[in-house]
Amino acid sequence: MEKQKTQSFDRGSALSIFGSDRKEDLIALVLALVLSLFIYISY
């Protein structure tokens, strides 16, 4: 019988400037909020 291979996915974190995915996601959320507030206020 063959052993089942475990799939692992590379999320591209080698290109990230942050140490963790959670920190990267949090920074992206904050930047999106700031950008949306800026657009909302300026129009």
PDB file of N, CA and C in Angstrom:
ATOM      1  N   MET A   1       0.839  -1.191   0.000  1.00  0.00           N
ATOM      2  CA  MET A   1       0.000   0.000   0.000  1.00  0.00           C
ATOM      3  C   MET A   1       0.872   1.238   0.000  1.00  0.00           C
ATOM      4  N   GLU A   2       0.401   2.240  -0.714  1.00  0.00           N
ATOM      5  CA  GLU A   2       1.164   3.486  -0.793  1.00  0.00           C
ATOM      6  C   GLU A   2       0.854   4.380   0.401  1.00  0.00           C
ATOM      7  N   LYS A   3       1.856   5.132   0.804  1.00  0.00           N
ATOM      8  CA  LYS A   3       1.635   6.121   1.845  1.00  0.00           C
ATOM      9  C   LYS A   3       0.975   7.352   1.216  1.00  0.00           C
ATOM     10  N   GLN A   4       0.029   7.908   1.921  1.00  0.00           N
ATOM     11  CA  GLN A   4      -0.624   9.119   1.412  1.00  0.00           C
ATOM     12  C   GLN A   4       0.281  10.312   1.659  1.00  0.00           C
ATOM     13  N   LYS A   5       0.423  11.118   0.629  1.00  0.00           N
ATOM     14  CA  LYS A   5       1.252  12.318   0.749  1.00  0.00           C
ATOM     15  C   LYS A   5       0.432  13.439   1.367  1.00  0.00           C
ATOM     16  N   THR A   6       1.034  14.137   2.283  1.00  0.00           N
ATOM     17  CA  THR A   6       0.373  15.261   2.920  1.00  0.00           C
ATOM     18  C   THR A   6       0.623  16.506   2.087  1.00  0.00           C
ATOM     19  N   GLN A   7      -0.461  17.179   1.719  1.00  0.00           N
ATOM     20  CA  GLN A   7      -0.312  18.403   0.954  1.00  0.00           C
ATOM     21  C   GLN A   7       0.004  19.556   1.888  1.00  0.00           C
ATOM     22  N   SER A   8       0.963  20.350   1.501  1.00  0.00           N
ATOM     23  CA  SER A   8       1.241  21.568   2.247  1.00  0.00           C
ATOM     24  C   SER A   8       1.240  22.726   1.263  1.00  0.00           C
ATOM     25  N   PHE A   9       0.715  23.827   1.699  1.00  0.00           N
ATOM     26  CA  PHE A   9       0.575  24.990   0.831  1.00  0.00           C
ATOM     27  C   PHE A   9       1.517  26.092   1.292  1.00  0.00           C
ATOM     28  N   ASP A  10       2.230  26.649   0.347  1.00  0.00           N
ATOM     29  CA  ASP A  10       3.102  27.777   0.622  1.00  0.00           C
ATOM     30  C   ASP A  10       2.310  29.045   0.355  1.00  0.00           C
ATOM     31  N   ARG A  11       2.122  29.850   1.378  1.00  0.00           N
ATOM     32  CA  ARG A  11       1.324  31.063   1.230  1.00  0.00           C
ATOM     33  C   ARG A  11       2.150  32.225   0.708  1.00  0.00           C
ATOM     34  N   GLY A  12       3.396  31.995   0.359  1.00  0.00           N
ATOM     35  CA  GLY A  12       4.217  33.081  -0.162  1.00  0.00           C
ATOM     36  C   GLY A  12       4.785  33.963   0.931  1.00  0.00           C
ATOM     37  N   SER A  13       4.879  33.435   2.146  1.00  0.00           N
ATOM     38  CA  SER A  13       5.348  34.244   3.260  1.00  0.00           C
ATOM     39  C   SER A  13       6.835  34.585   3.146  1.00  0.00           C
ATOM     40  N   ALA A  14       7.527  33.973   2.219  1.00  0.00           N
ATOM     41  CA  ALA A  14       8.935  34.302   2.027  1.00  0.00           C
ATOM     42  C   ALA A  14       9.096  35.717   1.482  1.00  0.00           C
ATOM     43  N   LEU A  15       8.054  36.226   0.808  1.00  0.00           N
ATOM     44  CA  LEU A  15       8.104  37.575   0.259  1.00  0.00           C
ATOM     45  C   LEU A  15       7.589  38.622   1.234  1.00  0.00           C
ATOM     46  N   SER A  16       7.089  38.191   2.352  1.00  0.00           N
ATOM     47  CA  SER A  16       6.502  39.107   3.322  1.00  0.00           C
ATOM     48  C   SER A  16       7.589  39.837   4.113  1.00  0.00           C
ATOM     49  N   ILE A  17       7.301  41.101   4.449  1.00  0.00           N
ATOM     50  CA  ILE A  17       8.239  41.854   5.285  1.00  0.00           C
ATOM     51  C   ILE A  17       7.908  41.701   6.762  1.00  0.00           C
ATOM     52  N   PHE A  18       6.787  41.029   7.067  1.00  0.00           N
ATOM     53  CA  PHE A  18       6.379  40.829   8.448  1.00  0.00           C
ATOM     54  C   PHE A  18       6.742  39.426   8.902  1.00  0.00           C
ATOM     55  N   GLY A  19       6.894  39.275  10.205  1.00  0.00           N
ATOM     56  CA  GLY A  19       7.275  37.976  10.743  1.00  0.00           C
ATOM     57  C   GLY A  19       6.149  36.973  10.793  1.00  0.00           C
ATOM     58  N   SER A  20       4.917  37.463  10.936  1.00  0.00           N
ATOM     59  CA  SER A  20       3.798  36.526  11.053  1.00  0.00           C
ATOM     60  C   SER A  20       2.662  36.942  10.131  1.00  0.00           C
ATOM     61  N   ASP A  21       1.872  35.967   9.733  1.00  0.00           N
ATOM     62  CA  ASP A  21       0.730  36.246   8.866  1.00  0.00           C
ATOM     63  C   ASP A  21      -0.330  37.060   9.597  1.00  0.00           C
ATOM     64  N   ARG A  22      -0.479  36.828  10.893  1.00  0.00           N
ATOM     65  CA  ARG A  22      -1.485  37.562  11.667  1.00  0.00           C
ATOM     66  C   ARG A  22      -1.158  39.053  11.703  1.00  0.00           C
ATOM     67  N   LYS A  23       0.106  39.389  11.883  1.00  0.00           N
ATOM     68  CA  LYS A  23       0.508  40.795  11.911  1.00  0.00           C
ATOM     69  C   LYS A  23       0.307  41.430  10.537  1.00  0.00           C
ATOM     70  N   GLU A  24       0.625  40.696   9.492  1.00  0.00           N
ATOM     71  CA  GLU A  24       0.445  41.200   8.133  1.00  0.00           C
ATOM     72  C   GLU A  24      -1.034  41.465   7.849  1.00  0.00           C
ATOM     73  N   ASP A  25      -1.913  40.555   8.269  1.00  0.00           N
ATOM     74  CA  ASP A  25      -3.346  40.741   8.067  1.00  0.00           C
ATOM     75  C   ASP A  25      -3.871  41.937   8.857  1.00  0.00           C
ATOM     76  N   LEU A  26      -3.387  42.108  10.072  1.00  0.00           N
ATOM     77  CA  LEU A  26      -3.824  43.229  10.897  1.00  0.00           C
ATOM     78  C   LEU A  26      -3.402  44.561  10.282  1.00  0.00           C
ATOM     79  N   ILE A  27      -2.169  44.653   9.801  1.00  0.00           N
ATOM     80  CA  ILE A  27      -1.697  45.881   9.162  1.00  0.00           C
ATOM     81  C   ILE A  27      -2.520  46.171   7.905  1.00  0.00           C
ATOM     82  N   ALA A  28      -2.837  45.134   7.127  1.00  0.00           N
ATOM     83  CA  ALA A  28      -3.649  45.325   5.919  1.00  0.00           C
ATOM     84  C   ALA A  28      -5.043  45.838   6.273  1.00  0.00           C
ATOM     85  N   LEU A  29      -5.647  45.310   7.338  1.00  0.00           N
ATOM     86  CA  LEU A  29      -6.958  45.789   7.768  1.00  0.00           C
ATOM     87  C   LEU A  29      -6.917  47.244   8.208  1.00  0.00           C
ATOM     88  N   VAL A  30      -5.899  47.608   8.967  1.00  0.00           N
ATOM     89  CA  VAL A  30      -5.775  48.987   9.440  1.00  0.00           C
ATOM     90  C   VAL A  30      -5.569  49.935   8.262  1.00  0.00           C
ATOM     91  N   LEU A  31      -4.724  49.558   7.311  1.00  0.00           N
ATOM     92  CA  LEU A  31      -4.498  50.415   6.152  1.00  0.00           C
ATOM     93  C   LEU A  31      -5.760  50.548   5.302  1.00  0.00           C
ATOM     94  N   ALA A  32      -6.522  49.482   5.151  1.00  0.00           N
ATOM     95  CA  ALA A  32      -7.769  49.547   4.403  1.00  0.00           C
ATOM     96  C   ALA A  32      -8.775  50.459   5.107  1.00  0.00           C
ATOM     97  N   LEU A  33      -8.835  50.394   6.432  1.00  0.00           N
ATOM     98  CA  LEU A  33      -9.726  51.260   7.188  1.00  0.00           C
ATOM     99  C   LEU A  33      -9.336  52.725   7.036  1.00  0.00           C
ATOM    100  N   VAL A  34      -8.056  53.025   7.157  1.00  0.00           N
ATOM    101  CA  VAL A  34      -7.571  54.398   7.012  1.00  0.00           C
ATOM    102  C   VAL A  34      -7.859  54.926   5.605  1.00  0.00           C
ATOM    103  N   LEU A  35      -7.605  54.111   4.602  1.00  0.00           N
ATOM    104  CA  LEU A  35      -7.857  54.524   3.223  1.00  0.00           C
ATOM    105  C   LEU A  35      -9.338  54.766   2.978  1.00  0.00           C
ATOM    106  N   SER A  36     -10.190  53.878   3.490  1.00  0.00           N
ATOM    107  CA  SER A  36     -11.627  54.056   3.280  1.00  0.00           C
ATOM    108  C   SER A  36     -12.146  55.284   4.024  1.00  0.00           C
ATOM    109  N   LEU A  37     -11.642  55.549   5.218  1.00  0.00           N
ATOM    110  CA  LEU A  37     -12.050  56.751   5.946  1.00  0.00           C
ATOM    111  C   LEU A  37     -11.586  58.008   5.222  1.00  0.00           C
ATOM    112  N   PHE A  38     -10.392  57.993   4.676  1.00  0.00           N
ATOM    113  CA  PHE A  38      -9.878  59.146   3.929  1.00  0.00           C
ATOM    114  C   PHE A  38     -10.752  59.425   2.711  1.00  0.00           C
ATOM    115  N   ILE A  39     -11.111  58.385   1.981  1.00  0.00           N
ATOM    116  CA  ILE A  39     -11.956  58.550   0.800  1.00  0.00           C
ATOM    117  C   ILE A  39     -13.357  59.034   1.211  1.00  0.00           C
ATOM    118  N   TYR A  40     -13.895  58.485   2.300  1.00  0.00           N
ATOM    119  CA  TYR A  40     -15.221  58.880   2.772  1.00  0.00           C
ATOM    120  C   TYR A  40     -15.249  60.345   3.187  1.00  0.00           C
ATOM    121  N   ILE A  41     -14.220  60.803   3.890  1.00  0.00           N
ATOM    122  CA  ILE A  41     -14.177  62.183   4.377  1.00  0.00           C
ATOM    123  C   ILE A  41     -13.911  63.157   3.231  1.00  0.00           C
ATOM    124  N   SER A  42     -13.085  62.778   2.282  1.00  0.00           N
ATOM    125  CA  SER A  42     -12.699  63.731   1.227  1.00  0.00           C
ATOM    126  C   SER A  42     -13.792  63.911   0.168  1.00  0.00           C
ATOM    127  N   TYR A  43     -14.813  63.056   0.133  1.00  0.00           N
ATOM    128  CA  TYR A  43     -15.882  63.220  -0.861  1.00  0.00           C
ATOM    129  C   TYR A  43     -17.178  63.595  -0.242  1.00  0.00           C
TER     130      TYR A  43
END
